[in-house]
Amino acid sequence: MPVGDAAGHAAIRLPYAHVTAPLRRLVDRYGTEVCLAVVAGRAVPAWVGEALPVLPEVMATTGRRAGAFDRGALDLVEAAVLAPAVGRTFRGAVVDVDGRDGGPGRGQLQLHEPAVRARVTAPGPLPLGEVVDARLAEASVPHRRVVFTLDRPVRPGSHLPSPA
């Protein structure tokens, strides 16, 4: 982080601190108060100083909550888009796996079209990084859930053709 003379905005050649609209991010409400106090030559308000030590954890918690809300909204839209296509086969890439070696595979499938990332299961290990054809097993709007299945195990090292 730049300090002293280097802590300035290059375009306007003045001291600079990155702060967005206080209603957009909670941390910026506190940043704004610190900047206002420093510029006015006043002490930072006590309520700001008291909040600063716990602010990183508050921001992490609210960030996780916002992320969960965003993911839930996206999951709902993906389920609504795919609901009429349950039973169809889609081509996608396995982008994450969490199954044990040799056991049932569970992970994430990224479709090219529509641009959806969803759960995928298989009777054996999932081929991380491979392009596969997966059947849409579930698209539940009420549960905000989309699940694909690979109905047969994929042999390790086998390469399916890429979509044209």
N, C-alpha and C. Protein backbone atom coordinates (compact mmCIF):
# COMPACT_ATOMS: atom_id res chain seq x y z
N MET A 1 0.85 -1.17 0.00
CA MET A 1 0.00 0.00 0.00
C MET A 1 0.89 1.24 0.00
N PRO A 2 0.66 2.16 -0.91
CA PRO A 2 1.49 3.37 -0.98
C PRO A 2 1.32 4.24 0.27
N VAL A 3 2.40 4.91 0.66
CA VAL A 3 2.37 5.82 1.80
C VAL A 3 3.06 7.12 1.43
N GLY A 4 2.87 8.12 2.25
CA GLY A 4 3.52 9.42 2.03
C GLY A 4 3.10 10.04 0.71
N ASP A 5 4.08 10.58 -0.03
CA ASP A 5 3.79 11.23 -1.31
C ASP A 5 3.23 10.27 -2.35
N ALA A 6 3.55 8.98 -2.21
CA ALA A 6 3.06 7.99 -3.18
C ALA A 6 1.59 7.65 -2.95
N ALA A 7 1.02 8.02 -1.81
CA ALA A 7 -0.37 7.69 -1.50
C ALA A 7 -1.29 8.75 -2.08
N GLY A 8 -1.25 8.90 -3.36
CA GLY A 8 -2.09 9.90 -4.02
C GLY A 8 -2.75 9.33 -5.25
N HIS A 9 -3.70 10.05 -5.72
CA HIS A 9 -4.41 9.67 -6.94
C HIS A 9 -3.60 10.22 -8.11
N ALA A 10 -3.17 9.35 -9.01
CA ALA A 10 -2.29 9.75 -10.10
C ALA A 10 -2.93 10.80 -11.02
N ALA A 11 -4.22 10.68 -11.26
CA ALA A 11 -4.88 11.58 -12.21
C ALA A 11 -5.03 12.99 -11.65
N ILE A 12 -5.32 13.12 -10.36
CA ILE A 12 -5.55 14.46 -9.80
C ILE A 12 -4.40 14.95 -8.92
N ARG A 13 -3.40 14.08 -8.70
CA ARG A 13 -2.20 14.41 -7.92
C ARG A 13 -2.55 14.96 -6.54
N LEU A 14 -3.51 14.30 -5.88
CA LEU A 14 -3.91 14.67 -4.53
C LEU A 14 -3.96 13.41 -3.65
N PRO A 15 -3.91 13.59 -2.31
CA PRO A 15 -4.05 12.42 -1.44
C PRO A 15 -5.35 11.69 -1.77
N TYR A 16 -5.32 10.36 -1.64
CA TYR A 16 -6.44 9.56 -2.11
C TYR A 16 -6.64 8.34 -1.22
N ALA A 17 -7.87 8.02 -0.93
CA ALA A 17 -8.24 6.78 -0.25
C ALA A 17 -9.43 6.21 -0.98
N HIS A 18 -9.36 4.93 -1.32
CA HIS A 18 -10.46 4.30 -2.05
C HIS A 18 -11.63 4.05 -1.11
N VAL A 19 -12.73 4.71 -1.34
CA VAL A 19 -13.95 4.53 -0.57
C VAL A 19 -15.11 4.63 -1.55
N THR A 20 -16.03 3.66 -1.49
CA THR A 20 -17.19 3.70 -2.39
C THR A 20 -18.36 4.31 -1.64
N ALA A 21 -19.51 4.29 -2.26
CA ALA A 21 -20.72 4.84 -1.64
C ALA A 21 -20.98 4.14 -0.31
N PRO A 22 -21.16 4.88 0.79
CA PRO A 22 -21.34 4.27 2.11
C PRO A 22 -22.52 3.31 2.20
N LEU A 23 -23.50 3.47 1.37
CA LEU A 23 -24.63 2.54 1.42
C LEU A 23 -24.35 1.25 0.67
N ARG A 24 -23.29 1.21 -0.12
CA ARG A 24 -22.97 0.02 -0.90
C ARG A 24 -22.22 -1.01 -0.07
N ARG A 25 -21.23 -0.57 0.68
CA ARG A 25 -20.45 -1.48 1.51
C ARG A 25 -20.33 -0.89 2.91
N LEU A 26 -20.60 -1.71 3.90
CA LEU A 26 -20.56 -1.25 5.29
C LEU A 26 -19.19 -0.68 5.66
N VAL A 27 -18.13 -1.32 5.21
CA VAL A 27 -16.80 -0.88 5.58
C VAL A 27 -16.55 0.56 5.10
N ASP A 28 -17.15 0.94 4.00
CA ASP A 28 -16.93 2.28 3.47
C ASP A 28 -17.58 3.35 4.34
N ARG A 29 -18.60 2.99 5.10
CA ARG A 29 -19.21 3.95 6.03
C ARG A 29 -18.16 4.36 7.07
N TYR A 30 -17.42 3.39 7.54
CA TYR A 30 -16.38 3.67 8.53
C TYR A 30 -15.19 4.38 7.88
N GLY A 31 -14.80 3.94 6.69
CA GLY A 31 -13.70 4.58 5.97
C GLY A 31 -13.98 6.05 5.71
N THR A 32 -15.21 6.35 5.34
CA THR A 32 -15.60 7.74 5.09
C THR A 32 -15.46 8.58 6.35
N GLU A 33 -15.91 8.04 7.48
CA GLU A 33 -15.82 8.79 8.74
C GLU A 33 -14.37 9.05 9.14
N VAL A 34 -13.50 8.05 8.92
CA VAL A 34 -12.08 8.23 9.24
C VAL A 34 -11.50 9.33 8.35
N CYS A 35 -11.79 9.29 7.06
CA CYS A 35 -11.27 10.30 6.13
C CYS A 35 -11.78 11.70 6.49
N LEU A 36 -13.07 11.81 6.78
CA LEU A 36 -13.63 13.12 7.14
C LEU A 36 -12.96 13.68 8.40
N ALA A 37 -12.73 12.83 9.40
CA ALA A 37 -12.09 13.29 10.63
C ALA A 37 -10.66 13.74 10.37
N VAL A 38 -9.91 12.96 9.60
CA VAL A 38 -8.51 13.30 9.32
C VAL A 38 -8.42 14.61 8.56
N VAL A 39 -9.24 14.78 7.52
CA VAL A 39 -9.22 16.00 6.71
C VAL A 39 -9.62 17.22 7.54
N ALA A 40 -10.57 17.04 8.46
CA ALA A 40 -11.04 18.15 9.29
C ALA A 40 -10.12 18.39 10.49
N GLY A 41 -9.12 17.54 10.68
CA GLY A 41 -8.22 17.72 11.82
C GLY A 41 -8.86 17.35 13.14
N ARG A 42 -9.88 16.49 13.10
CA ARG A 42 -10.57 16.06 14.32
C ARG A 42 -10.18 14.63 14.66
N ALA A 43 -10.51 14.25 15.87
CA ALA A 43 -10.31 12.85 16.27
C ALA A 43 -11.35 11.99 15.55
N VAL A 44 -10.97 10.78 15.26
CA VAL A 44 -11.92 9.83 14.67
C VAL A 44 -13.02 9.59 15.69
N PRO A 45 -14.30 9.64 15.29
CA PRO A 45 -15.39 9.44 16.25
C PRO A 45 -15.23 8.12 17.03
N ALA A 46 -15.62 8.15 18.29
CA ALA A 46 -15.45 6.97 19.16
C ALA A 46 -16.18 5.75 18.61
N TRP A 47 -17.38 5.94 18.06
CA TRP A 47 -18.14 4.79 17.56
C TRP A 47 -17.42 4.11 16.39
N VAL A 48 -16.64 4.91 15.64
CA VAL A 48 -15.86 4.34 14.53
C VAL A 48 -14.67 3.58 15.09
N GLY A 49 -13.94 4.20 16.00
CA GLY A 49 -12.77 3.55 16.60
C GLY A 49 -13.12 2.26 17.31
N GLU A 50 -14.28 2.24 17.98
CA GLU A 50 -14.72 1.03 18.69
C GLU A 50 -15.07 -0.10 17.71
N ALA A 51 -15.57 0.27 16.54
CA ALA A 51 -16.00 -0.74 15.57
C ALA A 51 -14.84 -1.30 14.75
N LEU A 52 -13.76 -0.55 14.58
CA LEU A 52 -12.69 -0.98 13.69
C LEU A 52 -12.08 -2.35 14.02
N PRO A 53 -11.84 -2.70 15.29
CA PRO A 53 -11.24 -4.01 15.56
C PRO A 53 -12.11 -5.20 15.12
N VAL A 54 -13.43 -5.06 15.15
CA VAL A 54 -14.32 -6.18 14.79
C VAL A 54 -14.80 -6.08 13.34
N LEU A 55 -14.48 -5.00 12.69
CA LEU A 55 -14.98 -4.77 11.33
C LEU A 55 -14.58 -5.86 10.33
N PRO A 56 -13.34 -6.36 10.36
CA PRO A 56 -13.01 -7.42 9.39
C PRO A 56 -13.91 -8.65 9.52
N GLU A 57 -14.23 -9.08 10.75
CA GLU A 57 -15.10 -10.25 10.92
C GLU A 57 -16.53 -9.94 10.51
N VAL A 58 -17.00 -8.74 10.82
CA VAL A 58 -18.34 -8.34 10.38
C VAL A 58 -18.43 -8.35 8.86
N MET A 59 -17.39 -7.82 8.21
CA MET A 59 -17.38 -7.79 6.75
C MET A 59 -17.32 -9.20 6.17
N ALA A 60 -16.55 -10.09 6.78
CA ALA A 60 -16.48 -11.47 6.31
C ALA A 60 -17.84 -12.15 6.44
N THR A 61 -18.50 -11.95 7.57
CA THR A 61 -19.81 -12.56 7.80
C THR A 61 -20.84 -12.02 6.80
N THR A 62 -20.88 -10.71 6.63
CA THR A 62 -21.86 -10.15 5.71
C THR A 62 -21.52 -10.51 4.27
N GLY A 63 -20.23 -10.65 3.95
CA GLY A 63 -19.83 -11.08 2.62
C GLY A 63 -20.30 -12.49 2.33
N ARG A 64 -20.15 -13.39 3.32
CA ARG A 64 -20.63 -14.77 3.15
C ARG A 64 -22.14 -14.78 2.97
N ARG A 65 -22.84 -13.98 3.75
CA ARG A 65 -24.30 -13.93 3.67
C ARG A 65 -24.74 -13.40 2.30
N ALA A 66 -24.09 -12.36 1.82
CA ALA A 66 -24.41 -11.82 0.49
C ALA A 66 -24.11 -12.82 -0.60
N GLY A 67 -22.99 -13.53 -0.47
CA GLY A 67 -22.64 -14.56 -1.45
C GLY A 67 -23.66 -15.67 -1.49
N ALA A 68 -24.13 -16.10 -0.31
CA ALA A 68 -25.15 -17.15 -0.25
C ALA A 68 -26.45 -16.67 -0.89
N PHE A 69 -26.81 -15.42 -0.66
CA PHE A 69 -28.02 -14.87 -1.28
C PHE A 69 -27.87 -14.83 -2.80
N ASP A 70 -26.73 -14.34 -3.28
CA ASP A 70 -26.49 -14.30 -4.73
C ASP A 70 -26.53 -15.69 -5.33
N ARG A 71 -25.87 -16.66 -4.67
CA ARG A 71 -25.84 -18.03 -5.19
C ARG A 71 -27.26 -18.62 -5.20
N GLY A 72 -28.05 -18.34 -4.15
CA GLY A 72 -29.43 -18.84 -4.10
C GLY A 72 -30.27 -18.29 -5.23
N ALA A 73 -30.11 -17.00 -5.53
CA ALA A 73 -30.87 -16.40 -6.63
C ALA A 73 -30.45 -17.01 -7.96
N LEU A 74 -29.16 -17.22 -8.15
CA LEU A 74 -28.67 -17.83 -9.38
C LEU A 74 -29.15 -19.28 -9.49
N ASP A 75 -29.11 -20.02 -8.39
CA ASP A 75 -29.61 -21.41 -8.39
C ASP A 75 -31.08 -21.46 -8.79
N LEU A 76 -31.88 -20.52 -8.30
CA LEU A 76 -33.30 -20.46 -8.63
C LEU A 76 -33.50 -20.24 -10.13
N VAL A 77 -32.77 -19.29 -10.70
CA VAL A 77 -32.89 -19.00 -12.13
C VAL A 77 -32.43 -20.19 -12.96
N GLU A 78 -31.33 -20.81 -12.57
CA GLU A 78 -30.83 -21.97 -13.32
C GLU A 78 -31.86 -23.10 -13.30
N ALA A 79 -32.47 -23.36 -12.14
CA ALA A 79 -33.48 -24.41 -12.05
C ALA A 79 -34.69 -24.07 -12.93
N ALA A 80 -35.12 -22.82 -12.92
CA ALA A 80 -36.27 -22.42 -13.74
C ALA A 80 -35.97 -22.56 -15.23
N VAL A 81 -34.76 -22.20 -15.65
CA VAL A 81 -34.39 -22.30 -17.06
C VAL A 81 -34.34 -23.76 -17.50
N LEU A 82 -33.82 -24.64 -16.63
CA LEU A 82 -33.63 -26.03 -17.01
C LEU A 82 -34.81 -26.95 -16.72
N ALA A 83 -35.77 -26.51 -15.91
CA ALA A 83 -36.89 -27.37 -15.51
C ALA A 83 -37.58 -28.07 -16.69
N PRO A 84 -37.83 -27.40 -17.81
CA PRO A 84 -38.48 -28.10 -18.92
C PRO A 84 -37.60 -29.15 -19.61
N ALA A 85 -36.32 -29.20 -19.29
CA ALA A 85 -35.40 -30.09 -19.99
C ALA A 85 -34.97 -31.30 -19.16
N VAL A 86 -35.66 -31.59 -18.03
CA VAL A 86 -35.29 -32.75 -17.22
C VAL A 86 -35.33 -34.00 -18.11
N GLY A 87 -34.29 -34.81 -18.01
CA GLY A 87 -34.18 -36.01 -18.82
C GLY A 87 -33.29 -35.84 -20.04
N ARG A 88 -33.07 -34.60 -20.48
CA ARG A 88 -32.21 -34.34 -21.63
C ARG A 88 -30.74 -34.48 -21.25
N THR A 89 -29.92 -34.72 -22.26
CA THR A 89 -28.48 -34.83 -22.07
C THR A 89 -27.82 -33.54 -22.50
N PHE A 90 -26.87 -33.09 -21.70
CA PHE A 90 -26.13 -31.86 -21.96
C PHE A 90 -24.65 -32.17 -21.94
N ARG A 91 -23.89 -31.42 -22.67
CA ARG A 91 -22.44 -31.55 -22.68
C ARG A 91 -21.85 -30.46 -21.79
N GLY A 92 -20.89 -30.87 -20.97
CA GLY A 92 -20.24 -29.92 -20.09
C GLY A 92 -18.91 -30.45 -19.59
N ALA A 93 -18.20 -29.64 -18.87
CA ALA A 93 -16.89 -30.02 -18.31
C ALA A 93 -17.01 -30.20 -16.81
N VAL A 94 -16.40 -31.24 -16.30
CA VAL A 94 -16.34 -31.48 -14.86
C VAL A 94 -15.28 -30.52 -14.31
N VAL A 95 -15.72 -29.55 -13.51
CA VAL A 95 -14.80 -28.50 -13.04
C VAL A 95 -14.41 -28.64 -11.57
N ASP A 96 -15.06 -29.55 -10.85
CA ASP A 96 -14.71 -29.76 -9.45
C ASP A 96 -15.19 -31.15 -9.06
N VAL A 97 -14.44 -31.83 -8.22
CA VAL A 97 -14.84 -33.15 -7.72
C VAL A 97 -14.65 -33.20 -6.22
N ASP A 98 -15.55 -33.94 -5.55
CA ASP A 98 -15.38 -34.11 -4.11
C ASP A 98 -15.61 -35.55 -3.69
N GLY A 99 -15.70 -36.49 -4.63
CA GLY A 99 -15.86 -37.90 -4.30
C GLY A 99 -14.53 -38.54 -3.97
N ARG A 100 -14.61 -39.67 -3.26
CA ARG A 100 -13.40 -40.42 -2.92
C ARG A 100 -13.00 -41.28 -4.11
N ASP A 101 -11.71 -41.58 -4.23
CA ASP A 101 -11.22 -42.45 -5.30
C ASP A 101 -11.95 -43.77 -5.26
N GLY A 102 -12.49 -44.18 -6.40
CA GLY A 102 -13.16 -45.46 -6.52
C GLY A 102 -14.60 -45.45 -6.05
N GLY A 103 -14.98 -44.46 -5.27
CA GLY A 103 -16.36 -44.39 -4.77
C GLY A 103 -17.23 -43.58 -5.71
N PRO A 104 -18.47 -43.40 -5.30
CA PRO A 104 -19.36 -42.59 -6.14
C PRO A 104 -18.80 -41.18 -6.29
N GLY A 105 -18.91 -40.65 -7.48
CA GLY A 105 -18.39 -39.32 -7.74
C GLY A 105 -19.43 -38.25 -7.52
N ARG A 106 -19.00 -37.16 -6.93
CA ARG A 106 -19.84 -35.97 -6.76
C ARG A 106 -18.97 -34.78 -7.09
N GLY A 107 -19.55 -33.81 -7.75
CA GLY A 107 -18.78 -32.63 -8.09
C GLY A 107 -19.61 -31.60 -8.79
N GLN A 108 -18.95 -30.78 -9.61
CA GLN A 108 -19.60 -29.68 -10.32
C GLN A 108 -19.37 -29.82 -11.82
N LEU A 109 -20.42 -29.57 -12.57
CA LEU A 109 -20.39 -29.62 -14.03
C LEU A 109 -20.66 -28.22 -14.55
N GLN A 110 -19.83 -27.75 -15.46
CA GLN A 110 -20.05 -26.44 -16.10
C GLN A 110 -20.53 -26.69 -17.51
N LEU A 111 -21.78 -26.30 -17.78
CA LEU A 111 -22.32 -26.41 -19.13
C LEU A 111 -21.84 -25.24 -19.96
N HIS A 112 -21.73 -25.47 -21.25
CA HIS A 112 -21.42 -24.37 -22.16
C HIS A 112 -22.70 -23.62 -22.51
N GLU A 113 -23.75 -24.37 -22.80
CA GLU A 113 -25.01 -23.75 -23.21
C GLU A 113 -26.16 -24.55 -22.64
N PRO A 114 -26.99 -23.98 -21.78
CA PRO A 114 -26.86 -22.64 -21.21
C PRO A 114 -25.71 -22.59 -20.21
N ALA A 115 -25.23 -21.40 -19.94
CA ALA A 115 -24.08 -21.22 -19.05
C ALA A 115 -24.53 -21.47 -17.61
N VAL A 116 -24.49 -22.74 -17.21
CA VAL A 116 -24.94 -23.17 -15.89
C VAL A 116 -23.85 -24.01 -15.25
N ARG A 117 -23.66 -23.82 -13.96
CA ARG A 117 -22.77 -24.68 -13.18
C ARG A 117 -23.66 -25.37 -12.16
N ALA A 118 -23.59 -26.71 -12.12
CA ALA A 118 -24.50 -27.46 -11.25
C ALA A 118 -23.83 -28.71 -10.72
N ARG A 119 -24.50 -29.34 -9.76
CA ARG A 119 -24.02 -30.59 -9.21
C ARG A 119 -24.07 -31.69 -10.27
N VAL A 120 -23.13 -32.62 -10.14
CA VAL A 120 -23.13 -33.80 -11.01
C VAL A 120 -22.71 -34.99 -10.15
N THR A 121 -23.36 -36.12 -10.39
CA THR A 121 -23.01 -37.35 -9.69
C THR A 121 -22.73 -38.43 -10.72
N ALA A 122 -21.98 -39.44 -10.27
CA ALA A 122 -21.65 -40.57 -11.15
C ALA A 122 -21.45 -41.81 -10.29
N PRO A 123 -21.61 -43.01 -10.87
CA PRO A 123 -21.41 -44.23 -10.10
C PRO A 123 -19.96 -44.47 -9.71
N GLY A 124 -19.04 -43.82 -10.39
CA GLY A 124 -17.61 -43.94 -10.07
C GLY A 124 -17.00 -42.56 -10.01
N PRO A 125 -15.68 -42.49 -9.98
CA PRO A 125 -15.01 -41.18 -9.91
C PRO A 125 -15.36 -40.30 -11.11
N LEU A 126 -15.45 -39.03 -10.85
CA LEU A 126 -15.69 -38.06 -11.93
C LEU A 126 -14.36 -37.69 -12.58
N PRO A 127 -14.36 -37.52 -13.89
CA PRO A 127 -13.12 -37.17 -14.60
C PRO A 127 -12.88 -35.67 -14.61
N LEU A 128 -12.18 -35.17 -13.62
CA LEU A 128 -11.92 -33.74 -13.48
C LEU A 128 -11.29 -33.18 -14.76
N GLY A 129 -11.86 -32.11 -15.26
CA GLY A 129 -11.34 -31.43 -16.44
C GLY A 129 -11.80 -32.02 -17.75
N GLU A 130 -12.51 -33.13 -17.71
CA GLU A 130 -12.96 -33.77 -18.95
C GLU A 130 -14.33 -33.25 -19.37
N VAL A 131 -14.55 -33.27 -20.68
CA VAL A 131 -15.86 -32.94 -21.24
C VAL A 131 -16.68 -34.22 -21.23
N VAL A 132 -17.90 -34.13 -20.69
CA VAL A 132 -18.77 -35.30 -20.57
C VAL A 132 -20.17 -34.97 -21.04
N ASP A 133 -20.93 -36.01 -21.34
CA ASP A 133 -22.35 -35.87 -21.61
C ASP A 133 -23.07 -36.33 -20.36
N ALA A 134 -23.88 -35.45 -19.77
CA ALA A 134 -24.57 -35.74 -18.52
C ALA A 134 -26.06 -35.51 -18.69
N ARG A 135 -26.83 -36.36 -18.03
CA ARG A 135 -28.29 -36.27 -18.09
C ARG A 135 -28.78 -35.36 -16.96
N LEU A 136 -29.70 -34.46 -17.30
CA LEU A 136 -30.31 -33.59 -16.31
C LEU A 136 -31.31 -34.41 -15.52
N ALA A 137 -30.97 -34.74 -14.26
CA ALA A 137 -31.80 -35.60 -13.42
C ALA A 137 -32.83 -34.80 -12.63
N GLU A 138 -32.48 -33.56 -12.27
CA GLU A 138 -33.38 -32.76 -11.44
C GLU A 138 -33.17 -31.29 -11.71
N ALA A 139 -34.27 -30.56 -11.78
CA ALA A 139 -34.24 -29.10 -11.86
C ALA A 139 -35.43 -28.61 -11.03
N SER A 140 -35.19 -28.43 -9.73
CA SER A 140 -36.25 -28.09 -8.79
C SER A 140 -36.23 -26.60 -8.46
N VAL A 141 -37.25 -25.91 -8.90
CA VAL A 141 -37.36 -24.48 -8.60
C VAL A 141 -37.59 -24.27 -7.10
N PRO A 142 -38.53 -25.00 -6.46
CA PRO A 142 -38.75 -24.77 -5.02
C PRO A 142 -37.51 -25.02 -4.17
N HIS A 143 -36.67 -25.98 -4.57
CA HIS A 143 -35.47 -26.28 -3.79
C HIS A 143 -34.23 -25.58 -4.34
N ARG A 144 -34.39 -24.83 -5.43
CA ARG A 144 -33.27 -24.12 -6.07
C ARG A 144 -32.11 -25.09 -6.31
N ARG A 145 -32.42 -26.21 -6.94
CA ARG A 145 -31.42 -27.25 -7.11
C ARG A 145 -31.45 -27.80 -8.54
N VAL A 146 -30.26 -27.99 -9.10
CA VAL A 146 -30.08 -28.62 -10.41
C VAL A 146 -29.05 -29.72 -10.22
N VAL A 147 -29.39 -30.94 -10.69
CA VAL A 147 -28.48 -32.07 -10.55
C VAL A 147 -28.40 -32.82 -11.87
N PHE A 148 -27.17 -33.08 -12.29
CA PHE A 148 -26.90 -33.89 -13.47
C PHE A 148 -26.34 -35.23 -13.02
N THR A 149 -26.48 -36.25 -13.87
CA THR A 149 -25.88 -37.55 -13.58
C THR A 149 -25.14 -38.06 -14.79
N LEU A 150 -24.04 -38.74 -14.51
CA LEU A 150 -23.36 -39.55 -15.52
C LEU A 150 -23.82 -40.96 -15.20
N ASP A 151 -24.57 -41.57 -16.09
CA ASP A 151 -25.18 -42.86 -15.79
C ASP A 151 -24.21 -44.02 -15.86
N ARG A 152 -23.06 -43.82 -16.47
CA ARG A 152 -22.07 -44.89 -16.54
C ARG A 152 -20.72 -44.32 -16.12
N PRO A 153 -19.89 -45.15 -15.53
CA PRO A 153 -18.56 -44.66 -15.14
C PRO A 153 -17.75 -44.25 -16.37
N VAL A 154 -16.91 -43.28 -16.18
CA VAL A 154 -16.00 -42.85 -17.25
C VAL A 154 -14.64 -43.48 -16.94
N ARG A 155 -14.09 -44.18 -17.90
CA ARG A 155 -12.78 -44.81 -17.71
C ARG A 155 -11.72 -43.73 -17.50
N PRO A 156 -10.87 -43.88 -16.51
CA PRO A 156 -9.78 -42.90 -16.34
C PRO A 156 -8.96 -42.79 -17.62
N GLY A 157 -8.66 -41.58 -18.01
CA GLY A 157 -7.85 -41.34 -19.20
C GLY A 157 -8.64 -41.33 -20.49
N SER A 158 -9.95 -41.65 -20.42
CA SER A 158 -10.72 -41.61 -21.66
C SER A 158 -11.07 -40.16 -21.96
N HIS A 159 -11.05 -39.81 -23.20
CA HIS A 159 -11.34 -38.43 -23.61
C HIS A 159 -12.56 -38.42 -24.50
N LEU A 160 -13.57 -37.74 -24.07
CA LEU A 160 -14.74 -37.59 -24.90
C LEU A 160 -14.49 -36.47 -25.89
N PRO A 161 -15.08 -36.53 -27.06
CA PRO A 161 -14.87 -35.46 -28.03
C PRO A 161 -15.43 -34.14 -27.52
N SER A 162 -14.75 -33.09 -27.84
CA SER A 162 -15.22 -31.74 -27.47
C SER A 162 -16.37 -31.34 -28.37
N PRO A 163 -17.27 -30.50 -27.84
CA PRO A 163 -18.37 -30.03 -28.69
C PRO A 163 -17.84 -29.25 -29.89
N ALA A 164 -18.53 -29.36 -31.00
CA ALA A 164 -18.10 -28.67 -32.22
C ALA A 164 -18.36 -27.20 -32.13
